[in-house]
PDB file of all heavy atoms in Angstrom:
ATOM      1  N   GLU A   1      90.787 119.557 132.021  1.00  0.00           N
ATOM      2  CA  GLU A   1      89.620 119.954 132.813  1.00  0.00           C
ATOM      3  C   GLU A   1      89.942 119.963 134.308  1.00  0.00           C
ATOM      4  O   GLU A   1      89.500 120.847 135.042  1.00  0.00           O
ATOM      5  CB  GLU A   1      88.450 119.015 132.530  1.00  0.00           C
ATOM      6  CG  GLU A   1      87.179 119.404 133.240  1.00  0.00           C
ATOM      7  CD  GLU A   1      85.979 118.593 132.811  1.00  0.00           C
ATOM      8  OE1 GLU A   1      86.140 117.570 132.115  1.00  0.00           O
ATOM      9  OE2 GLU A   1      84.856 118.977 133.187  1.00  0.00           O
ATOM     10  N   TYR A   2      90.715 118.997 134.749  1.00  0.00           N
ATOM     11  CA  TYR A   2      91.031 118.891 136.181  1.00  0.00           C
ATOM     12  C   TYR A   2      92.055 119.934 136.616  1.00  0.00           C
ATOM     13  O   TYR A   2      91.960 120.483 137.723  1.00  0.00           O
ATOM     14  CB  TYR A   2      91.554 117.487 136.491  1.00  0.00           C
ATOM     15  CG  TYR A   2      91.801 117.239 137.966  1.00  0.00           C
ATOM     16  CD1 TYR A   2      90.747 117.002 138.836  1.00  0.00           C
ATOM     17  CD2 TYR A   2      93.099 117.249 138.485  1.00  0.00           C
ATOM     18  CE1 TYR A   2      90.973 116.780 140.194  1.00  0.00           C
ATOM     19  CE2 TYR A   2      93.331 117.024 139.830  1.00  0.00           C
ATOM     20  CZ  TYR A   2      92.263 116.787 140.688  1.00  0.00           C
ATOM     21  OH  TYR A   2      92.491 116.576 142.024  1.00  0.00           O
ATOM     22  N   THR A   3      93.042 120.224 135.774  1.00  0.00           N
ATOM     23  CA  THR A   3      94.147 121.098 136.179  1.00  0.00           C
ATOM     24  C   THR A   3      94.056 122.513 135.621  1.00  0.00           C
ATOM     25  O   THR A   3      94.695 123.429 136.152  1.00  0.00           O
ATOM     26  CB  THR A   3      95.492 120.519 135.711  1.00  0.00           C
ATOM     27  OG1 THR A   3      95.540 120.545 134.271  1.00  0.00           O
ATOM     28  CG2 THR A   3      95.686 119.102 136.218  1.00  0.00           C
ATOM     29  N   ASN A   4      93.330 122.663 134.511  1.00  0.00           N
ATOM     30  CA  ASN A   4      93.272 123.936 133.786  1.00  0.00           C
ATOM     31  C   ASN A   4      94.642 124.334 133.236  1.00  0.00           C
ATOM     32  O   ASN A   4      94.921 125.515 133.018  1.00  0.00           O
ATOM     33  CB  ASN A   4      92.719 125.064 134.669  1.00  0.00           C
ATOM     34  CG  ASN A   4      92.110 126.192 133.841  1.00  0.00           C
ATOM     35  OD1 ASN A   4      91.549 125.970 132.774  1.00  0.00           O
ATOM     36  ND2 ASN A   4      92.243 127.418 134.325  1.00  0.00           N
ATOM     37  N   ASP A   5      95.482 123.343 133.009  1.00  0.00           N
ATOM     38  CA  ASP A   5      96.819 123.577 132.460  1.00  0.00           C
ATOM     39  C   ASP A   5      96.744 123.496 130.931  1.00  0.00           C
ATOM     40  O   ASP A   5      96.386 122.456 130.370  1.00  0.00           O
ATOM     41  CB  ASP A   5      97.792 122.540 133.012  1.00  0.00           C
ATOM     42  CG  ASP A   5      99.245 122.849 132.661  1.00  0.00           C
ATOM     43  OD1 ASP A   5      99.493 123.453 131.612  1.00  0.00           O
ATOM     44  OD2 ASP A   5     100.125 122.469 133.456  1.00  0.00           O
ATOM     45  N   ASP A   6      97.106 124.576 130.273  1.00  0.00           N
ATOM     46  CA  ASP A   6      96.959 124.652 128.821  1.00  0.00           C
ATOM     47  C   ASP A   6      97.826 123.661 128.054  1.00  0.00           C
ATOM     48  O   ASP A   6      97.579 123.411 126.872  1.00  0.00           O
ATOM     49  CB  ASP A   6      97.285 126.067 128.335  1.00  0.00           C
ATOM     50  CG  ASP A   6      96.153 127.050 128.580  1.00  0.00           C
ATOM     51  OD1 ASP A   6      95.027 126.598 128.869  1.00  0.00           O
ATOM     52  OD2 ASP A   6      96.392 128.270 128.488  1.00  0.00           O
ATOM     53  N   LYS A   7      98.845 123.100 128.695  1.00  0.00           N
ATOM     54  CA  LYS A   7      99.697 122.155 127.958  1.00  0.00           C
ATOM     55  C   LYS A   7      98.890 120.964 127.465  1.00  0.00           C
ATOM     56  O   LYS A   7      99.170 120.424 126.383  1.00  0.00           O
ATOM     57  CB  LYS A   7     100.874 121.701 128.817  1.00  0.00           C
ATOM     58  CG  LYS A   7     100.520 120.756 129.965  1.00  0.00           C
ATOM     59  CD  LYS A   7     101.767 120.332 130.738  1.00  0.00           C
ATOM     60  CE  LYS A   7     101.424 119.336 131.854  1.00  0.00           C
ATOM     61  NZ  LYS A   7     102.626 118.939 132.631  1.00  0.00           N
ATOM     62  N   TYR A   8      97.893 120.549 128.239  1.00  0.00           N
ATOM     63  CA  TYR A   8      97.050 119.419 127.827  1.00  0.00           C
ATOM     64  C   TYR A   8      96.125 119.837 126.687  1.00  0.00           C
ATOM     65  O   TYR A   8      95.957 119.106 125.705  1.00  0.00           O
ATOM     66  CB  TYR A   8      96.233 118.914 129.014  1.00  0.00           C
ATOM     67  CG  TYR A   8      97.056 118.465 130.190  1.00  0.00           C
ATOM     68  CD1 TYR A   8      97.040 119.182 131.388  1.00  0.00           C
ATOM     69  CD2 TYR A   8      97.847 117.327 130.119  1.00  0.00           C
ATOM     70  CE1 TYR A   8      97.788 118.767 132.489  1.00  0.00           C
ATOM     71  CE2 TYR A   8      98.610 116.906 131.205  1.00  0.00           C
ATOM     72  CZ  TYR A   8      98.578 117.641 132.388  1.00  0.00           C
ATOM     73  OH  TYR A   8      99.323 117.238 133.468  1.00  0.00           O
ATOM     74  N   LYS A   9      95.521 120.996 126.812  1.00  0.00           N
ATOM     75  CA  LYS A   9      94.625 121.488 125.761  1.00  0.00           C
ATOM     76  C   LYS A   9      95.376 121.681 124.457  1.00  0.00           C
ATOM     77  O   LYS A   9      94.878 121.306 123.376  1.00  0.00           O
ATOM     78  CB  LYS A   9      93.986 122.809 126.197  1.00  0.00           C
ATOM     79  CG  LYS A   9      93.040 123.407 125.157  1.00  0.00           C
ATOM     80  CD  LYS A   9      92.464 124.743 125.599  1.00  0.00           C
ATOM     81  CE  LYS A   9      93.506 125.838 125.539  1.00  0.00           C
ATOM     82  NZ  LYS A   9      92.923 127.175 125.791  1.00  0.00           N
ATOM     83  N   ASN A  10      96.567 122.248 124.527  1.00  0.00           N
ATOM     84  CA  ASN A  10      97.322 122.537 123.308  1.00  0.00           C
ATOM     85  C   ASN A  10      97.659 121.272 122.538  1.00  0.00           C
ATOM     86  O   ASN A  10      97.561 121.232 121.299  1.00  0.00           O
ATOM     87  CB  ASN A  10      98.605 123.299 123.661  1.00  0.00           C
ATOM     88  CG  ASN A  10      98.328 124.683 124.210  1.00  0.00           C
ATOM     89  OD1 ASN A  10      97.245 125.249 123.990  1.00  0.00           O
ATOM     90  ND2 ASN A  10      99.287 125.245 124.935  1.00  0.00           N
ATOM     91  N   LEU A  11      98.046 120.220 123.257  1.00  0.00           N
ATOM     92  CA  LEU A  11      98.340 118.957 122.576  1.00  0.00           C
ATOM     93  C   LEU A  11      97.063 118.308 122.066  1.00  0.00           C
ATOM     94  O   LEU A  11      97.028 117.784 120.948  1.00  0.00           O
ATOM     95  CB  LEU A  11      99.099 118.009 123.505  1.00  0.00           C
ATOM     96  CG  LEU A  11      99.489 116.660 122.892  1.00  0.00           C
ATOM     97  CD1 LEU A  11     100.274 116.844 121.584  1.00  0.00           C
ATOM     98  CD2 LEU A  11     100.305 115.833 123.883  1.00  0.00           C
ATOM     99  N   ALA A  12      96.006 118.369 122.853  1.00  0.00           N
ATOM    100  CA  ALA A  12      94.737 117.785 122.415  1.00  0.00           C
ATOM    101  C   ALA A  12      94.239 118.449 121.134  1.00  0.00           C
ATOM    102  O   ALA A  12      93.679 117.787 120.254  1.00  0.00           O
ATOM    103  CB  ALA A  12      93.701 117.910 123.523  1.00  0.00           C
ATOM    104  N   GLN A  13      94.434 119.753 121.009  1.00  0.00           N
ATOM    105  CA  GLN A  13      94.004 120.446 119.799  1.00  0.00           C
ATOM    106  C   GLN A  13      94.841 120.038 118.589  1.00  0.00           C
ATOM    107  O   GLN A  13      94.328 119.999 117.465  1.00  0.00           O
ATOM    108  CB  GLN A  13      94.055 121.957 120.013  1.00  0.00           C
ATOM    109  CG  GLN A  13      92.949 122.445 120.943  1.00  0.00           C
ATOM    110  CD  GLN A  13      92.861 123.953 121.013  1.00  0.00           C
ATOM    111  OE1 GLN A  13      93.747 124.618 121.560  1.00  0.00           O
ATOM    112  NE2 GLN A  13      91.802 124.514 120.456  1.00  0.00           N
ATOM    113  N   LYS A  14      96.110 119.690 118.806  1.00  0.00           N
ATOM    114  CA  LYS A  14      96.912 119.134 117.717  1.00  0.00           C
ATOM    115  C   LYS A  14      96.354 117.776 117.292  1.00  0.00           C
ATOM    116  O   LYS A  14      96.412 117.411 116.113  1.00  0.00           O
ATOM    117  CB  LYS A  14      98.371 119.021 118.145  1.00  0.00           C
ATOM    118  CG  LYS A  14      99.061 120.368 118.313  1.00  0.00           C
ATOM    119  CD  LYS A  14     100.507 120.219 118.754  1.00  0.00           C
ATOM    120  CE  LYS A  14     101.173 121.583 118.911  1.00  0.00           C
ATOM    121  NZ  LYS A  14     102.584 121.482 119.363  1.00  0.00           N
ATOM    122  N   HIS A  15      95.816 117.056 118.244  1.00  0.00           N
ATOM    123  CA  HIS A  15      95.180 115.779 117.917  1.00  0.00           C
ATOM    124  C   HIS A  15      93.939 115.988 117.053  1.00  0.00           C
ATOM    125  O   HIS A  15      93.615 115.145 116.215  1.00  0.00           O
ATOM    126  CB  HIS A  15      94.798 115.039 119.200  1.00  0.00           C
ATOM    127  CG  HIS A  15      95.957 114.443 119.929  1.00  0.00           C
ATOM    128  ND1 HIS A  15      95.814 113.499 120.907  1.00  0.00           N
ATOM    129  CD2 HIS A  15      97.295 114.654 119.824  1.00  0.00           C
ATOM    130  CE1 HIS A  15      97.005 113.147 121.373  1.00  0.00           C
ATOM    131  NE2 HIS A  15      97.911 113.841 120.734  1.00  0.00           N
ATOM    132  N   THR A  16      93.223 117.090 117.277  1.00  0.00           N
ATOM    133  CA  THR A  16      92.064 117.397 116.430  1.00  0.00           C
ATOM    134  C   THR A  16      92.508 117.573 114.986  1.00  0.00           C
ATOM    135  O   THR A  16      91.846 117.090 114.051  1.00  0.00           O
ATOM    136  CB  THR A  16      91.361 118.670 116.923  1.00  0.00           C
ATOM    137  OG1 THR A  16      90.959 118.498 118.283  1.00  0.00           O
ATOM    138  CG2 THR A  16      90.126 118.964 116.079  1.00  0.00           C
ATOM    139  N   ILE A  17      93.622 118.242 114.786  1.00  0.00           N
ATOM    140  CA  ILE A  17      94.155 118.432 113.438  1.00  0.00           C
ATOM    141  C   ILE A  17      94.528 117.092 112.819  1.00  0.00           C
ATOM    142  O   ILE A  17      94.243 116.812 111.647  1.00  0.00           O
ATOM    143  CB  ILE A  17      95.368 119.377 113.470  1.00  0.00           C
ATOM    144  CG1 ILE A  17      94.932 120.771 113.930  1.00  0.00           C
ATOM    145  CG2 ILE A  17      96.045 119.443 112.103  1.00  0.00           C
ATOM    146  CD1 ILE A  17      96.085 121.710 114.207  1.00  0.00           C
ATOM    147  N   ALA A  18      95.138 116.209 113.612  1.00  0.00           N
ATOM    148  CA  ALA A  18      95.487 114.873 113.125  1.00  0.00           C
ATOM    149  C   ALA A  18      94.237 114.081 112.759  1.00  0.00           C
ATOM    150  O   ALA A  18      94.222 113.330 111.778  1.00  0.00           O
ATOM    151  CB  ALA A  18      96.298 114.125 114.180  1.00  0.00           C
ATOM    152  N   ALA A  19      93.182 114.257 113.550  1.00  0.00           N
ATOM    153  CA  ALA A  19      91.929 113.565 113.267  1.00  0.00           C
ATOM    154  C   ALA A  19      91.300 114.077 111.972  1.00  0.00           C
ATOM    155  O   ALA A  19      90.690 113.312 111.219  1.00  0.00           O
ATOM    156  CB  ALA A  19      90.956 113.743 114.436  1.00  0.00           C
ATOM    157  N   ARG A  20      91.442 115.367 111.687  1.00  0.00           N
ATOM    158  CA  ARG A  20      90.972 115.931 110.414  1.00  0.00           C
ATOM    159  C   ARG A  20      91.738 115.321 109.243  1.00  0.00           C
ATOM    160  O   ARG A  20      91.140 114.919 108.232  1.00  0.00           O
ATOM    161  CB  ARG A  20      91.119 117.453 110.446  1.00  0.00           C
ATOM    162  CG  ARG A  20      91.068 118.142 109.080  1.00  0.00           C
ATOM    163  CD  ARG A  20      89.750 117.912 108.351  1.00  0.00           C
ATOM    164  NE  ARG A  20      88.673 118.727 108.893  1.00  0.00           N
ATOM    165  CZ  ARG A  20      87.420 118.686 108.445  1.00  0.00           C
ATOM    166  NH1 ARG A  20      87.098 117.851 107.451  1.00  0.00           N
ATOM    167  NH2 ARG A  20      86.474 119.427 108.992  1.00  0.00           N
ATOM    168  N   LYS A  21      93.044 115.227 109.382  1.00  0.00           N
ATOM    169  CA  LYS A  21      93.859 114.635 108.324  1.00  0.00           C
ATOM    170  C   LYS A  21      93.452 113.182 108.071  1.00  0.00           C
ATOM    171  O   LYS A  21      93.432 112.728 106.925  1.00  0.00           O
ATOM    172  CB  LYS A  21      95.338 114.716 108.698  1.00  0.00           C
ATOM    173  CG  LYS A  21      95.903 116.134 108.689  1.00  0.00           C
ATOM    174  CD  LYS A  21      97.362 116.150 109.122  1.00  0.00           C
ATOM    175  CE  LYS A  21      97.932 117.561 109.120  1.00  0.00           C
ATOM    176  NZ  LYS A  21      99.353 117.585 109.598  1.00  0.00           N
ATOM    177  N   ARG A  22      93.135 112.477 109.142  1.00  0.00           N
ATOM    178  CA  ARG A  22      92.694 111.082 109.001  1.00  0.00           C
ATOM    179  C   ARG A  22      91.411 111.004 108.190  1.00  0.00           C
ATOM    180  O   ARG A  22      91.276 110.172 107.296  1.00  0.00           O
ATOM    181  CB  ARG A  22      92.502 110.462 110.378  1.00  0.00           C
ATOM    182  CG  ARG A  22      91.905 109.065 110.365  1.00  0.00           C
ATOM    183  CD  ARG A  22      91.824 108.499 111.766  1.00  0.00           C
ATOM    184  NE  ARG A  22      91.223 107.169 111.801  1.00  0.00           N
ATOM    185  CZ  ARG A  22      91.294 106.340 112.838  1.00  0.00           C
ATOM    186  NH1 ARG A  22      91.955 106.700 113.925  1.00  0.00           N
ATOM    187  NH2 ARG A  22      90.726 105.155 112.791  1.00  0.00           N
ATOM    188  N   LEU A  23      90.473 111.878 108.500  1.00  0.00           N
ATOM    189  CA  LEU A  23      89.191 111.858 107.792  1.00  0.00           C
ATOM    190  C   LEU A  23      89.390 112.196 106.321  1.00  0.00           C
ATOM    191  O   LEU A  23      88.800 111.556 105.434  1.00  0.00           O
ATOM    192  CB  LEU A  23      88.225 112.848 108.437  1.00  0.00           C
ATOM    193  CG  LEU A  23      86.770 112.771 107.959  1.00  0.00           C
ATOM    194  CD1 LEU A  23      86.126 111.458 108.399  1.00  0.00           C
ATOM    195  CD2 LEU A  23      85.958 113.952 108.492  1.00  0.00           C
ATOM    196  N   GLU A  24      90.223 113.188 106.031  1.00  0.00           N
ATOM    197  CA  GLU A  24      90.442 113.603 104.647  1.00  0.00           C
ATOM    198  C   GLU A  24      91.215 112.559 103.850  1.00  0.00           C
ATOM    199  O   GLU A  24      91.007 112.421 102.641  1.00  0.00           O
ATOM    200  CB  GLU A  24      91.179 114.944 104.628  1.00  0.00           C
ATOM    201  CG  GLU A  24      90.313 116.099 105.144  1.00  0.00           C
ATOM    202  CD  GLU A  24      91.055 117.417 105.189  1.00  0.00           C
ATOM    203  OE1 GLU A  24      92.306 117.410 105.025  1.00  0.00           O
ATOM    204  OE2 GLU A  24      90.397 118.459 105.410  1.00  0.00           O
ATOM    205  N   ALA A  25      92.068 111.800 104.522  1.00  0.00           N
ATOM    206  CA  ALA A  25      92.829 110.752 103.834  1.00  0.00           C
ATOM    207  C   ALA A  25      91.930 109.600 103.422  1.00  0.00           C
ATOM    208  O   ALA A  25      92.175 108.927 102.410  1.00  0.00           O
ATOM    209  CB  ALA A  25      93.958 110.245 104.729  1.00  0.00           C
ATOM    210  N   GLY A  26      90.870 109.350 104.194  1.00  0.00           N
ATOM    211  CA  GLY A  26      89.920 108.293 103.866  1.00  0.00           C
ATOM    212  C   GLY A  26      90.516 106.912 104.019  1.00  0.00           C
ATOM    213  O   GLY A  26      91.506 106.699 104.714  1.00  0.00           O
ATOM    214  N   GLY A  27      89.892 105.953 103.365  1.00  0.00           N
ATOM    215  CA  GLY A  27      90.380 104.584 103.424  1.00  0.00           C
ATOM    216  C   GLY A  27      89.979 103.859 104.694  1.00  0.00           C
ATOM    217  O   GLY A  27      89.119 104.314 105.454  1.00  0.00           O
ATOM    218  N   GLY A  28      90.664 102.744 104.949  1.00  0.00           N
ATOM    219  CA  GLY A  28      90.327 101.861 106.056  1.00  0.00           C
ATOM    220  C   GLY A  28      90.184 102.515 107.412  1.00  0.00           C
ATOM    221  O   GLY A  28      89.258 102.177 108.167  1.00  0.00           O
ATOM    222  N   PRO A  29      91.056 103.446 107.783  1.00  0.00           N
ATOM    223  CA  PRO A  29      90.964 104.043 109.120  1.00  0.00           C
ATOM    224  C   PRO A  29      89.677 104.806 109.416  1.00  0.00           C
ATOM    225  O   PRO A  29      89.405 105.112 110.564  1.00  0.00           O
ATOM    226  CB  PRO A  29      92.174 104.993 109.148  1.00  0.00           C
ATOM    227  CG  PRO A  29      93.160 104.358 108.226  1.00  0.00           C
ATOM    228  CD  PRO A  29      92.323 103.801 107.115  1.00  0.00           C
ATOM    229  N   VAL A  30      88.885 105.126 108.377  1.00  0.00           N
ATOM    230  CA  VAL A  30      87.592 105.779 108.640  1.00  0.00           C
ATOM    231  C   VAL A  30      86.423 104.994 108.059  1.00  0.00           C
ATOM    232  O   VAL A  30      85.290 105.476 108.043  1.00  0.00           O
ATOM    233  CB  VAL A  30      87.575 107.230 108.114  1.00  0.00           C
ATOM    234  CG1 VAL A  30      88.497 108.105 108.927  1.00  0.00           C
ATOM    235  CG2 VAL A  30      87.922 107.304 106.632  1.00  0.00           C
ATOM    236  N   GLU A  31      86.680 103.789 107.595  1.00  0.00           N
ATOM    237  CA  GLU A  31      85.611 102.947 107.045  1.00  0.00           C
ATOM    238  C   GLU A  31      85.108 101.988 108.116  1.00  0.00           C
ATOM    239  O   GLU A  31      85.210 100.768 107.995  1.00  0.00           O
ATOM    240  CB  GLU A  31      86.118 102.178 105.818  1.00  0.00           C
ATOM    241  CG  GLU A  31      86.512 103.042 104.644  1.00  0.00           C
ATOM    242  CD  GLU A  31      85.334 103.786 104.033  1.00  0.00           C
ATOM    243  OE1 GLU A  31      84.182 103.349 104.237  1.00  0.00           O
ATOM    244  OE2 GLU A  31      85.564 104.807 103.360  1.00  0.00           O
ATOM    245  N   ASN A  32      84.543 102.546 109.201  1.00  0.00           N
ATOM    246  CA  ASN A  32      84.022 101.724 110.282  1.00  0.00           C
ATOM    247  C   ASN A  32      83.097 102.564 111.159  1.00  0.00           C
ATOM    248  O   ASN A  32      83.058 103.786 111.048  1.00  0.00           O
ATOM    249  CB  ASN A  32      85.166 101.127 111.110  1.00  0.00           C
ATOM    250  CG  ASN A  32      86.067 102.198 111.689  1.00  0.00           C
ATOM    251  OD1 ASN A  32      85.687 102.894 112.624  1.00  0.00           O
ATOM    252  ND2 ASN A  32      87.265 102.351 111.124  1.00  0.00           N
TER     253      ASN A  32
END
């Protein structure tokens, strides 16, 4: 947001994918 540099957005969007995998895996990491 501060720099408008896509390198930050691109990595953050990969984190969204990782967060989806976490939710689909279930178990302790999403039981809270």
